Amino acid sequence: QVQLVESGGGLVQPGGSLRLSCVVSGSIFSVYRMGWFRQAPGKQRELVARITDDGWTTYAGSVKGRFTISRDSAKYTVYLQMNSLKPEDTAVYYCHAYSALTRTDYWGQGTQVTVSS
């Protein structure tokens, strides 16, 4: 059984910081990339950031320069450091992993991030 477990969400004021963590457990093979998506009420889920097994990173334009994604491939762990948070960053953040071997997507349960004064 494969499980992605996120942590680190919470309530912060505008301009504050949070670090999200995601740990993959279970029988997962050949993880090609891991990343973070987010979904606000009434909106579509969108890519926030992702990183491949060879270190390539991708960021949404709205978070570039404020968020940083990093990984520990040996431990199947991904992090998202979020700085200078804005109210529009408020959403449920989902960890994602993709296995190139099985061509399978895996999702975490989501963690709430709320940016409000």
PDB file of N, CA and C in Angstrom:
ATOM      1  N   GLN A   1       0.835  -1.183   0.000  1.00  0.00           N
ATOM      2  CA  GLN A   1       0.000   0.000   0.000  1.00  0.00           C
ATOM      3  C   GLN A   1       0.882   1.250   0.000  1.00  0.00           C
ATOM      4  N   VAL A   2       0.579   2.177  -0.886  1.00  0.00           N
ATOM      5  CA  VAL A   2       1.320   3.427  -0.994  1.00  0.00           C
ATOM      6  C   VAL A   2       0.540   4.527  -0.301  1.00  0.00           C
ATOM      7  N   GLN A   3       1.244   5.322   0.475  1.00  0.00           N
ATOM      8  CA  GLN A   3       0.612   6.418   1.188  1.00  0.00           C
ATOM      9  C   GLN A   3       1.509   7.646   1.172  1.00  0.00           C
ATOM     10  N   LEU A   4       0.919   8.795   0.875  1.00  0.00           N
ATOM     11  CA  LEU A   4       1.608  10.069   0.939  1.00  0.00           C
ATOM     12  C   LEU A   4       1.021  10.850   2.107  1.00  0.00           C
ATOM     13  N   VAL A   5       1.869  11.270   3.033  1.00  0.00           N
ATOM     14  CA  VAL A   5       1.414  11.944   4.237  1.00  0.00           C
ATOM     15  C   VAL A   5       2.011  13.339   4.300  1.00  0.00           C
ATOM     16  N   GLU A   6       1.137  14.351   4.249  1.00  0.00           N
ATOM     17  CA  GLU A   6       1.565  15.741   4.334  1.00  0.00           C
ATOM     18  C   GLU A   6       1.486  16.248   5.762  1.00  0.00           C
ATOM     19  N   SER A   7       2.294  17.252   6.047  1.00  0.00           N
ATOM     20  CA  SER A   7       2.245  17.926   7.332  1.00  0.00           C
ATOM     21  C   SER A   7       2.777  19.337   7.163  1.00  0.00           C
ATOM     22  N   GLY A   8       2.497  20.197   8.131  1.00  0.00           N
ATOM     23  CA  GLY A   8       3.047  21.537   8.145  1.00  0.00           C
ATOM     24  C   GLY A   8       2.077  22.654   7.829  1.00  0.00           C
ATOM     25  N   GLY A   9       0.855  22.318   7.454  1.00  0.00           N
ATOM     26  CA  GLY A   9      -0.123  23.349   7.168  1.00  0.00           C
ATOM     27  C   GLY A   9      -0.583  24.053   8.426  1.00  0.00           C
ATOM     28  N   GLY A  10      -1.305  25.156   8.243  1.00  0.00           N
ATOM     29  CA  GLY A  10      -1.807  25.901   9.380  1.00  0.00           C
ATOM     30  C   GLY A  10      -2.272  27.278   8.997  1.00  0.00           C
ATOM     31  N   LEU A  11      -2.486  28.103  10.017  1.00  0.00           N
ATOM     32  CA  LEU A  11      -2.938  29.476   9.851  1.00  0.00           C
ATOM     33  C   LEU A  11      -1.773  30.426  10.077  1.00  0.00           C
ATOM     34  N   VAL A  12      -1.530  31.301   9.110  1.00  0.00           N
ATOM     35  CA  VAL A  12      -0.464  32.290   9.223  1.00  0.00           C
ATOM     36  C   VAL A  12      -0.966  33.637   8.736  1.00  0.00           C
ATOM     37  N   GLN A  13      -0.303  34.699   9.172  1.00  0.00           N
ATOM     38  CA  GLN A  13      -0.627  36.040   8.707  1.00  0.00           C
ATOM     39  C   GLN A  13       0.069  36.333   7.388  1.00  0.00           C
ATOM     40  N   PRO A  14      -0.480  37.249   6.593  1.00  0.00           N
ATOM     41  CA  PRO A  14       0.209  37.637   5.361  1.00  0.00           C
ATOM     42  C   PRO A  14       1.653  38.034   5.635  1.00  0.00           C
ATOM     43  N   GLY A  15       2.544  37.559   4.768  1.00  0.00           N
ATOM     44  CA  GLY A  15       3.966  37.804   4.952  1.00  0.00           C
ATOM     45  C   GLY A  15       4.674  36.738   5.749  1.00  0.00           C
ATOM     46  N   GLY A  16       3.929  35.833   6.339  1.00  0.00           N
ATOM     47  CA  GLY A  16       4.514  34.771   7.134  1.00  0.00           C
ATOM     48  C   GLY A  16       5.026  33.628   6.288  1.00  0.00           C
ATOM     49  N   SER A  17       5.518  32.587   6.968  1.00  0.00           N
ATOM     50  CA  SER A  17       6.121  31.439   6.299  1.00  0.00           C
ATOM     51  C   SER A  17       5.592  30.134   6.867  1.00  0.00           C
ATOM     52  N   LEU A  18       5.603  29.118   6.027  1.00  0.00           N
ATOM     53  CA  LEU A  18       5.281  27.753   6.414  1.00  0.00           C
ATOM     54  C   LEU A  18       6.166  26.809   5.615  1.00  0.00           C
ATOM     55  N   ARG A  19       6.433  25.645   6.179  1.00  0.00           N
ATOM     56  CA  ARG A  19       7.119  24.594   5.447  1.00  0.00           C
ATOM     57  C   ARG A  19       6.273  23.340   5.465  1.00  0.00           C
ATOM     58  N   LEU A  20       5.910  22.871   4.274  1.00  0.00           N
ATOM     59  CA  LEU A  20       5.151  21.651   4.133  1.00  0.00           C
ATOM     60  C   LEU A  20       6.087  20.479   3.879  1.00  0.00           C
ATOM     61  N   SER A  21       5.737  19.330   4.433  1.00  0.00           N
ATOM     62  CA  SER A  21       6.511  18.114   4.235  1.00  0.00           C
ATOM     63  C   SER A  21       5.597  17.009   3.735  1.00  0.00           C
ATOM     64  N   CYS A  22       6.144  16.129   2.922  1.00  0.00           N
ATOM     65  CA  CYS A  22       5.397  14.990   2.401  1.00  0.00           C
ATOM     66  C   CYS A  22       6.306  13.775   2.394  1.00  0.00           C
ATOM     67  N   VAL A  23       5.871  12.727   3.063  1.00  0.00           N
ATOM     68  CA  VAL A  23       6.633  11.485   3.135  1.00  0.00           C
ATOM     69  C   VAL A  23       5.856  10.382   2.431  1.00  0.00           C
ATOM     70  N   VAL A  24       6.526   9.675   1.543  1.00  0.00           N
ATOM     71  CA  VAL A  24       5.922   8.569   0.817  1.00  0.00           C
ATOM     72  C   VAL A  24       6.312   7.270   1.496  1.00  0.00           C
ATOM     73  N   SER A  25       5.326   6.451   1.811  1.00  0.00           N
ATOM     74  CA  SER A  25       5.572   5.143   2.404  1.00  0.00           C
ATOM     75  C   SER A  25       4.885   4.070   1.573  1.00  0.00           C
ATOM     76  N   GLY A  26       5.339   2.830   1.741  1.00  0.00           N
ATOM     77  CA  GLY A  26       4.758   1.731   1.007  1.00  0.00           C
ATOM     78  C   GLY A  26       5.601   1.318  -0.182  1.00  0.00           C
ATOM     79  N   SER A  27       5.055   0.418  -0.974  1.00  0.00           N
ATOM     80  CA  SER A  27       5.771  -0.172  -2.100  1.00  0.00           C
ATOM     81  C   SER A  27       5.610   0.682  -3.351  1.00  0.00           C
ATOM     82  N   ILE A  28       6.376   1.747  -3.413  1.00  0.00           N
ATOM     83  CA  ILE A  28       6.387   2.600  -4.586  1.00  0.00           C
ATOM     84  C   ILE A  28       7.737   2.454  -5.280  1.00  0.00           C
ATOM     85  N   PHE A  29       7.719   2.376  -6.595  1.00  0.00           N
ATOM     86  CA  PHE A  29       8.925   2.133  -7.369  1.00  0.00           C
ATOM     87  C   PHE A  29       9.139   3.206  -8.423  1.00  0.00           C
ATOM     88  N   SER A  30      10.401   3.514  -8.658  1.00  0.00           N
ATOM     89  CA  SER A  30      10.820   4.406  -9.740  1.00  0.00           C
ATOM     90  C   SER A  30      10.036   5.722  -9.725  1.00  0.00           C
ATOM     91  N   VAL A  31      10.168   6.459  -8.623  1.00  0.00           N
ATOM     92  CA  VAL A  31       9.521   7.767  -8.531  1.00  0.00           C
ATOM     93  C   VAL A  31      10.233   8.741  -9.460  1.00  0.00           C
ATOM     94  N   TYR A  32       9.505   9.234 -10.447  1.00  0.00           N
ATOM     95  CA  TYR A  32      10.088  10.136 -11.422  1.00  0.00           C
ATOM     96  C   TYR A  32      10.044  11.590 -10.969  1.00  0.00           C
ATOM     97  N   ARG A  33       8.926  11.989 -10.410  1.00  0.00           N
ATOM     98  CA  ARG A  33       8.803  13.358  -9.933  1.00  0.00           C
ATOM     99  C   ARG A  33       7.828  13.433  -8.755  1.00  0.00           C
ATOM    100  N   MET A  34       8.030  14.441  -7.927  1.00  0.00           N
ATOM    101  CA  MET A  34       7.137  14.727  -6.822  1.00  0.00           C
ATOM    102  C   MET A  34       6.833  16.215  -6.828  1.00  0.00           C
ATOM    103  N   GLY A  35       5.693  16.570  -6.288  1.00  0.00           N
ATOM    104  CA  GLY A  35       5.344  17.969  -6.296  1.00  0.00           C
ATOM    105  C   GLY A  35       4.169  18.291  -5.408  1.00  0.00           C
ATOM    106  N   TRP A  36       3.748  19.533  -5.520  1.00  0.00           N
ATOM    107  CA  TRP A  36       2.645  20.059  -4.734  1.00  0.00           C
ATOM    108  C   TRP A  36       1.614  20.714  -5.628  1.00  0.00           C
ATOM    109  N   PHE A  37       0.365  20.416  -5.363  1.00  0.00           N
ATOM    110  CA  PHE A  37      -0.772  21.065  -5.986  1.00  0.00           C
ATOM    111  C   PHE A  37      -1.598  21.728  -4.894  1.00  0.00           C
ATOM    112  N   ARG A  38      -2.448  22.656  -5.285  1.00  0.00           N
ATOM    113  CA  ARG A  38      -3.342  23.272  -4.319  1.00  0.00           C
ATOM    114  C   ARG A  38      -4.702  23.517  -4.950  1.00  0.00           C
ATOM    115  N   GLN A  39      -5.720  23.567  -4.096  1.00  0.00           N
ATOM    116  CA  GLN A  39      -7.073  23.793  -4.554  1.00  0.00           C
ATOM    117  C   GLN A  39      -7.816  24.653  -3.542  1.00  0.00           C
ATOM    118  N   ALA A  40      -8.296  25.794  -4.009  1.00  0.00           N
ATOM    119  CA  ALA A  40      -9.116  26.674  -3.197  1.00  0.00           C
ATOM    120  C   ALA A  40     -10.585  26.382  -3.474  1.00  0.00           C
ATOM    121  N   PRO A  41     -11.479  26.711  -2.541  1.00  0.00           N
ATOM    122  CA  PRO A  41     -12.906  26.454  -2.749  1.00  0.00           C
ATOM    123  C   PRO A  41     -13.412  27.082  -4.037  1.00  0.00           C
ATOM    124  N   GLY A  42     -14.119  26.289  -4.835  1.00  0.00           N
ATOM    125  CA  GLY A  42     -14.681  26.777  -6.077  1.00  0.00           C
ATOM    126  C   GLY A  42     -13.700  26.931  -7.214  1.00  0.00           C
ATOM    127  N   LYS A  43     -12.466  26.509  -7.031  1.00  0.00           N
ATOM    128  CA  LYS A  43     -11.454  26.633  -8.062  1.00  0.00           C
ATOM    129  C   LYS A  43     -10.868  25.271  -8.407  1.00  0.00           C
ATOM    130  N   GLN A  44     -10.249  25.184  -9.576  1.00  0.00           N
ATOM    131  CA  GLN A  44      -9.605  23.950 -10.000  1.00  0.00           C
ATOM    132  C   GLN A  44      -8.293  23.738  -9.264  1.00  0.00           C
ATOM    133  N   ARG A  45      -7.928  22.480  -9.128  1.00  0.00           N
ATOM    134  CA  ARG A  45      -6.634  22.160  -8.563  1.00  0.00           C
ATOM    135  C   ARG A  45      -5.540  22.612  -9.528  1.00  0.00           C
ATOM    136  N   GLU A  46      -4.503  23.241  -8.989  1.00  0.00           N
ATOM    137  CA  GLU A  46      -3.442  23.771  -9.819  1.00  0.00           C
ATOM    138  C   GLU A  46      -2.076  23.348  -9.304  1.00  0.00           C
ATOM    139  N   LEU A  47      -1.140  23.247 -10.237  1.00  0.00           N
ATOM    140  CA  LEU A  47       0.235  22.923  -9.881  1.00  0.00           C
ATOM    141  C   LEU A  47       0.875  24.108  -9.173  1.00  0.00           C
ATOM    142  N   VAL A  48       1.540  23.835  -8.060  1.00  0.00           N
ATOM    143  CA  VAL A  48       2.294  24.844  -7.334  1.00  0.00           C
ATOM    144  C   VAL A  48       3.780  24.722  -7.646  1.00  0.00           C
ATOM    145  N   ALA A  49       4.320  23.532  -7.467  1.00  0.00           N
ATOM    146  CA  ALA A  49       5.732  23.280  -7.730  1.00  0.00           C
ATOM    147  C   ALA A  49       5.961  21.787  -7.850  1.00  0.00           C
ATOM    148  N   ARG A  50       6.960  21.401  -8.629  1.00  0.00           N
ATOM    149  CA  ARG A  50       7.343  19.998  -8.705  1.00  0.00           C
ATOM    150  C   ARG A  50       8.825  19.871  -9.016  1.00  0.00           C
ATOM    151  N   ILE A  51       9.360  18.705  -8.702  1.00  0.00           N
ATOM    152  CA  ILE A  51      10.770  18.443  -8.907  1.00  0.00           C
ATOM    153  C   ILE A  51      10.933  17.024  -9.431  1.00  0.00           C
ATOM    154  N   THR A  52      11.805  16.845 -10.430  1.00  0.00           N
ATOM    155  CA  THR A  52      12.037  15.550 -11.033  1.00  0.00           C
ATOM    156  C   THR A  52      13.198  14.843 -10.358  1.00  0.00           C
ATOM    157  N   ASP A  53      13.430  13.586 -10.770  1.00  0.00           N
ATOM    158  CA  ASP A  53      14.498  12.801 -10.164  1.00  0.00           C
ATOM    159  C   ASP A  53      15.883  13.325 -10.514  1.00  0.00           C
ATOM    160  N   ASP A  54      15.996  14.129 -11.559  1.00  0.00           N
ATOM    161  CA  ASP A  54      17.282  14.710 -11.921  1.00  0.00           C
ATOM    162  C   ASP A  54      17.401  16.178 -11.505  1.00  0.00           C
ATOM    163  N   GLY A  55      16.469  16.644 -10.679  1.00  0.00           N
ATOM    164  CA  GLY A  55      16.605  17.945 -10.067  1.00  0.00           C
ATOM    165  C   GLY A  55      15.922  19.103 -10.759  1.00  0.00           C
ATOM    166  N   TRP A  56      15.259  18.861 -11.868  1.00  0.00           N
ATOM    167  CA  TRP A  56      14.544  19.940 -12.550  1.00  0.00           C
ATOM    168  C   TRP A  56      13.340  20.375 -11.733  1.00  0.00           C
ATOM    169  N   THR A  57      13.159  21.673 -11.607  1.00  0.00           N
ATOM    170  CA  THR A  57      12.048  22.215 -10.838  1.00  0.00           C
ATOM    171  C   THR A  57      11.143  23.065 -11.707  1.00  0.00           C
ATOM    172  N   THR A  58       9.883  23.082 -11.343  1.00  0.00           N
ATOM    173  CA  THR A  58       8.875  23.888 -12.017  1.00  0.00           C
ATOM    174  C   THR A  58       8.036  24.583 -10.964  1.00  0.00           C
ATOM    175  N   TYR A  59       7.758  25.861 -11.175  1.00  0.00           N
ATOM    176  CA  TYR A  59       6.946  26.637 -10.248  1.00  0.00           C
ATOM    177  C   TYR A  59       5.838  27.357 -10.989  1.00  0.00           C
ATOM    178  N   ALA A  60       4.705  27.485 -10.325  1.00  0.00           N
ATOM    179  CA  ALA A  60       3.669  28.358 -10.833  1.00  0.00           C
ATOM    180  C   ALA A  60       4.169  29.797 -10.787  1.00  0.00           C
ATOM    181  N   GLY A  61       3.783  30.586 -11.778  1.00  0.00           N
ATOM    182  CA  GLY A  61       4.239  31.964 -11.818  1.00  0.00           C
ATOM    183  C   GLY A  61       3.861  32.758 -10.584  1.00  0.00           C
ATOM    184  N   SER A  62       2.750  32.418  -9.966  1.00  0.00           N
ATOM    185  CA  SER A  62       2.276  33.156  -8.809  1.00  0.00           C
ATOM    186  C   SER A  62       3.102  32.913  -7.550  1.00  0.00           C
ATOM    187  N   VAL A  63       3.905  31.847  -7.532  1.00  0.00           N
ATOM    188  CA  VAL A  63       4.688  31.519  -6.336  1.00  0.00           C
ATOM    189  C   VAL A  63       6.188  31.591  -6.576  1.00  0.00           C
ATOM    190  N   LYS A  64       6.600  31.728  -7.815  1.00  0.00           N
ATOM    191  CA  LYS A  64       8.021  31.762  -8.137  1.00  0.00           C
ATOM    192  C   LYS A  64       8.705  32.916  -7.402  1.00  0.00           C
ATOM    193  N   GLY A  65       9.820  32.599  -6.762  1.00  0.00           N
ATOM    194  CA  GLY A  65      10.539  33.579  -5.975  1.00  0.00           C
ATOM    195  C   GLY A  65      10.140  33.604  -4.518  1.00  0.00           C
ATOM    196  N   ARG A  66       8.990  33.017  -4.195  1.00  0.00           N
ATOM    197  CA  ARG A  66       8.522  32.961  -2.813  1.00  0.00           C
ATOM    198  C   ARG A  66       8.567  31.550  -2.244  1.00  0.00           C
ATOM    199  N   PHE A  67       8.288  30.556  -3.084  1.00  0.00           N
ATOM    200  CA  PHE A  67       8.261  29.159  -2.655  1.00  0.00           C
ATOM    201  C   PHE A  67       9.489  28.428  -3.190  1.00  0.00           C
ATOM    202  N   THR A  68       9.947  27.441  -2.443  1.00  0.00           N
ATOM    203  CA  THR A  68      11.065  26.608  -2.861  1.00  0.00           C
ATOM    204  C   THR A  68      10.740  25.148  -2.594  1.00  0.00           C
ATOM    205  N   ILE A  69      10.869  24.318  -3.626  1.00  0.00           N
ATOM    206  CA  ILE A  69      10.645  22.893  -3.475  1.00  0.00           C
ATOM    207  C   ILE A  69      11.990  22.183  -3.376  1.00  0.00           C
ATOM    208  N   SER A  70      12.064  21.173  -2.529  1.00  0.00           N
ATOM    209  CA  SER A  70      13.269  20.381  -2.376  1.00  0.00           C
ATOM    210  C   SER A  70      12.872  18.930  -2.136  1.00  0.00           C
ATOM    211  N   ARG A  71      13.835  18.032  -2.227  1.00  0.00           N
ATOM    212  CA  ARG A  71      13.521  16.608  -2.124  1.00  0.00           C
ATOM    213  C   ARG A  71      14.641  15.819  -1.473  1.00  0.00           C
ATOM    214  N   ASP A  72      14.270  14.662  -0.971  1.00  0.00           N
ATOM    215  CA  ASP A  72      15.196  13.657  -0.491  1.00  0.00           C
ATOM    216  C   ASP A  72      14.765  12.367  -1.178  1.00  0.00           C
ATOM    217  N   SER A  73      15.391  12.061  -2.308  1.00  0.00           N
ATOM    218  CA  SER A  73      14.962  10.941  -3.132  1.00  0.00           C
ATOM    219  C   SER A  73      15.076   9.599  -2.411  1.00  0.00           C
ATOM    220  N   ALA A  74      16.140   9.439  -1.631  1.00  0.00           N
ATOM    221  CA  ALA A  74      16.348   8.176  -0.934  1.00  0.00           C
ATOM    222  C   ALA A  74      15.236   7.890   0.060  1.00  0.00           C
ATOM    223  N   LYS A  75      14.666   8.941   0.619  1.00  0.00           N
ATOM    224  CA  LYS A  75      13.602   8.786   1.600  1.00  0.00           C
ATOM    225  C   LYS A  75      12.220   9.061   1.022  1.00  0.00           C
ATOM    226  N   TYR A  76      12.160   9.321  -0.289  1.00  0.00           N
ATOM    227  CA  TYR A  76      10.899   9.639  -0.946  1.00  0.00           C
ATOM    228  C   TYR A  76      10.159  10.745  -0.204  1.00  0.00           C
ATOM    229  N   THR A  77      10.860  11.833   0.035  1.00  0.00           N
ATOM    230  CA  THR A  77      10.323  12.955   0.774  1.00  0.00           C
ATOM    231  C   THR A  77      10.464  14.234  -0.038  1.00  0.00           C
ATOM    232  N   VAL A  78       9.449  15.068   0.017  1.00  0.00           N
ATOM    233  CA  VAL A  78       9.485  16.353  -0.669  1.00  0.00           C
ATOM    234  C   VAL A  78       9.033  17.441   0.297  1.00  0.00           C
ATOM    235  N   TYR A  79       9.632  18.621   0.154  1.00  0.00           N
ATOM    236  CA  TYR A  79       9.322  19.747   1.018  1.00  0.00           C
ATOM    237  C   TYR A  79       8.914  20.950   0.177  1.00  0.00           C
ATOM    238  N   LEU A  80       8.126  21.812   0.774  1.00  0.00           N
ATOM    239  CA  LEU A  80       7.767  23.072   0.140  1.00  0.00           C
ATOM    240  C   LEU A  80       7.921  24.179   1.175  1.00  0.00           C
ATOM    241  N   GLN A  81       8.950  24.999   0.994  1.00  0.00           N
ATOM    242  CA  GLN A  81       9.159  26.157   1.848  1.00  0.00           C
ATOM    243  C   GLN A  81       8.395  27.330   1.251  1.00  0.00           C
ATOM    244  N   MET A  82       7.471  27.885   2.012  1.00  0.00           N
ATOM    245  CA  MET A  82       6.614  28.958   1.533  1.00  0.00           C
ATOM    246  C   MET A  82       6.897  30.214   2.341  1.00  0.00           C
ATOM    247  N   ASN A  83       7.404  31.232   1.674  1.00  0.00           N
ATOM    248  CA  ASN A  83       7.708  32.511   2.302  1.00  0.00           C
ATOM    249  C   ASN A  83       6.837  33.607   1.699  1.00  0.00           C
ATOM    250  N   SER A  84       6.757  34.721   2.400  1.00  0.00           N
ATOM    251  CA  SER A  84       5.985  35.878   1.933  1.00  0.00           C
ATOM    252  C   SER A  84       4.583  35.477   1.510  1.00  0.00           C
ATOM    253  N   LEU A  85       3.916  34.739   2.360  1.00  0.00           N
ATOM    254  CA  LEU A  85       2.600  34.206   2.027  1.00  0.00           C
ATOM    255  C   LEU A  85       1.571  35.313   1.860  1.00  0.00           C
ATOM    256  N   LYS A  86       0.665  35.088   0.915  1.00  0.00           N
ATOM    257  CA  LYS A  86      -0.396  36.027   0.594  1.00  0.00           C
ATOM    258  C   LYS A  86      -1.753  35.374   0.824  1.00  0.00           C
ATOM    259  N   PRO A  87      -2.803  36.168   1.049  1.00  0.00           N
ATOM    260  CA  PRO A  87      -4.133  35.580   1.221  1.00  0.00           C
ATOM    261  C   PRO A  87      -4.549  34.671   0.068  1.00  0.00           C
ATOM    262  N   GLU A  88      -4.134  34.994  -1.149  1.00  0.00           N
ATOM    263  CA  GLU A  88      -4.486  34.167  -2.295  1.00  0.00           C
ATOM    264  C   GLU A  88      -3.782  32.817  -2.317  1.00  0.00           C
ATOM    265  N   ASP A  89      -2.842  32.606  -1.402  1.00  0.00           N
ATOM    266  CA  ASP A  89      -2.217  31.295  -1.255  1.00  0.00           C
ATOM    267  C   ASP A  89      -3.080  30.337  -0.449  1.00  0.00           C
ATOM    268  N   THR A  90      -4.148  30.838   0.140  1.00  0.00           N
ATOM    269  CA  THR A  90      -5.036  30.005   0.946  1.00  0.00           C
ATOM    270  C   THR A  90      -5.649  28.899   0.091  1.00  0.00           C
ATOM    271  N   ALA A  91      -5.462  27.659   0.519  1.00  0.00           N
ATOM    272  CA  ALA A  91      -5.954  26.508  -0.232  1.00  0.00           C
ATOM    273  C   ALA A  91      -5.620  25.241   0.537  1.00  0.00           C
ATOM    274  N   VAL A  92      -6.163  24.131   0.052  1.00  0.00           N
ATOM    275  CA  VAL A  92      -5.713  22.827   0.504  1.00  0.00           C
ATOM    276  C   VAL A  92      -4.561  22.413  -0.394  1.00  0.00           C
ATOM    277  N   TYR A  93      -3.443  22.070   0.200  1.00  0.00           N
ATOM    278  CA  TYR A  93      -2.256  21.694  -0.543  1.00  0.00           C
ATOM    279  C   TYR A  93      -2.107  20.177  -0.543  1.00  0.00           C
ATOM    280  N   TYR A  94      -1.911  19.618  -1.740  1.00  0.00           N
ATOM    281  CA  TYR A  94      -1.825  18.173  -1.917  1.00  0.00           C
ATOM    282  C   TYR A  94      -0.448  17.776  -2.411  1.00  0.00           C
ATOM    283  N   CYS A  95       0.131  16.798  -1.766  1.00  0.00           N
ATOM    284  CA  CYS A  95       1.370  16.209  -2.233  1.00  0.00           C
ATOM    285  C   CYS A  95       1.069  15.233  -3.365  1.00  0.00           C
ATOM    286  N   HIS A  96       1.982  15.157  -4.333  1.00  0.00           N
ATOM    287  CA  HIS A  96       1.793  14.294  -5.486  1.00  0.00           C
ATOM    288  C   HIS A  96       3.092  13.590  -5.834  1.00  0.00           C
ATOM    289  N   ALA A  97       2.985  12.337  -6.234  1.00  0.00           N
ATOM    290  CA  ALA A  97       4.133  11.585  -6.711  1.00  0.00           C
ATOM    291  C   ALA A  97       3.741  10.806  -7.951  1.00  0.00           C
ATOM    292  N   TYR A  98       4.704  10.631  -8.848  1.00  0.00           N
ATOM    293  CA  TYR A  98       4.467   9.895 -10.083  1.00  0.00           C
ATOM    294  C   TYR A  98       5.522   8.818 -10.241  1.00  0.00           C
ATOM    295  N   SER A  99       5.067   7.605 -10.499  1.00  0.00           N
ATOM    296  CA  SER A  99       5.962   6.486 -10.756  1.00  0.00           C
ATOM    297  C   SER A  99       6.041   6.245 -12.255  1.00  0.00           C
ATOM    298  N   ALA A 100       7.236   6.430 -12.825  1.00  0.00           N
ATOM    299  CA  ALA A 100       7.419   6.196 -14.248  1.00  0.00           C
ATOM    300  C   ALA A 100       7.333   4.718 -14.594  1.00  0.00           C
ATOM    301  N   LEU A 101       7.703   3.851 -13.655  1.00  0.00           N
ATOM    302  CA  LEU A 101       7.683   2.419 -13.905  1.00  0.00           C
ATOM    303  C   LEU A 101       6.266   1.901 -14.097  1.00  0.00           C
ATOM    304  N   THR A 102       5.381   2.305 -13.214  1.00  0.00           N
ATOM    305  CA  THR A 102       4.002   1.835 -13.275  1.00  0.00           C
ATOM    306  C   THR A 102       3.059   2.843 -13.911  1.00  0.00           C
ATOM    307  N   ARG A 103       3.580   4.012 -14.247  1.00  0.00           N
ATOM    308  CA  ARG A 103       2.778   5.103 -14.810  1.00  0.00           C
ATOM    309  C   ARG A 103       1.554   5.364 -13.941  1.00  0.00           C
ATOM    310  N   THR A 104       1.827   5.565 -12.656  1.00  0.00           N
ATOM    311  CA  THR A 104       0.782   5.740 -11.665  1.00  0.00           C
ATOM    312  C   THR A 104       0.983   7.035 -10.887  1.00  0.00           C
ATOM    313  N   ASP A 105      -0.105   7.747 -10.667  1.00  0.00           N
ATOM    314  CA  ASP A 105      -0.107   8.951  -9.846  1.00  0.00           C
ATOM    315  C   ASP A 105      -0.576   8.620  -8.434  1.00  0.00           C
ATOM    316  N   TYR A 106       0.066   9.235  -7.454  1.00  0.00           N
ATOM    317  CA  TYR A 106      -0.310   9.068  -6.057  1.00  0.00           C
ATOM    318  C   TYR A 106      -0.543  10.438  -5.438  1.00  0.00           C
ATOM    319  N   TRP A 107      -1.541  10.514  -4.570  1.00  0.00           N
ATOM    320  CA  TRP A 107      -1.928  11.777  -3.948  1.00  0.00           C
ATOM    321  C   TRP A 107      -2.013  11.646  -2.440  1.00  0.00           C
ATOM    322  N   GLY A 108      -1.639  12.711  -1.747  1.00  0.00           N
ATOM    323  CA  GLY A 108      -1.821  12.786  -0.317  1.00  0.00           C
ATOM    324  C   GLY A 108      -3.227  13.217   0.031  1.00  0.00           C
ATOM    325  N   GLN A 109      -3.510  13.262   1.317  1.00  0.00           N
ATOM    326  CA  GLN A 109      -4.857  13.602   1.779  1.00  0.00           C
ATOM    327  C   GLN A 109      -5.120  15.102   1.786  1.00  0.00           C
ATOM    328  N   GLY A 110      -4.078  15.891   1.700  1.00  0.00           N
ATOM    329  CA  GLY A 110      -4.199  17.334   1.696  1.00  0.00           C
ATOM    330  C   GLY A 110      -3.975  17.944   3.062  1.00  0.00           C
ATOM    331  N   THR A 111      -3.404  19.133   3.078  1.00  0.00           N
ATOM    332  CA  THR A 111      -3.213  19.885   4.310  1.00  0.00           C
ATOM    333  C   THR A 111      -3.644  21.331   4.070  1.00  0.00           C
ATOM    334  N   GLN A 112      -4.395  21.877   5.006  1.00  0.00           N
ATOM    335  CA  GLN A 112      -4.966  23.215   4.846  1.00  0.00           C
ATOM    336  C   GLN A 112      -3.937  24.288   5.164  1.00  0.00           C
ATOM    337  N   VAL A 113      -3.816  25.239   4.258  1.00  0.00           N
ATOM    338  CA  VAL A 113      -3.008  26.437   4.480  1.00  0.00           C
ATOM    339  C   VAL A 113      -3.931  27.643   4.395  1.00  0.00           C
ATOM    340  N   THR A 114      -3.992  28.413   5.464  1.00  0.00           N
ATOM    341  CA  THR A 114      -4.830  29.601   5.507  1.00  0.00           C
ATOM    342  C   THR A 114      -3.969  30.817   5.818  1.00  0.00           C
ATOM    343  N   VAL A 115      -4.029  31.813   4.951  1.00  0.00           N
ATOM    344  CA  VAL A 115      -3.272  33.047   5.119  1.00  0.00           C
ATOM    345  C   VAL A 115      -4.270  34.172   5.338  1.00  0.00           C
ATOM    346  N   SER A 116      -4.323  34.677   6.548  1.00  0.00           N
ATOM    347  CA  SER A 116      -5.320  35.679   6.901  1.00  0.00           C
ATOM    348  C   SER A 116      -4.851  36.484   8.096  1.00  0.00           C
ATOM    349  N   SER A 117      -5.253  37.747   8.130  1.00  0.00           N
ATOM    350  CA  SER A 117      -4.968  38.600   9.269  1.00  0.00           C
ATOM    351  C   SER A 117      -6.102  38.592  10.271  1.00  0.00           C
TER     352      SER A 117
END
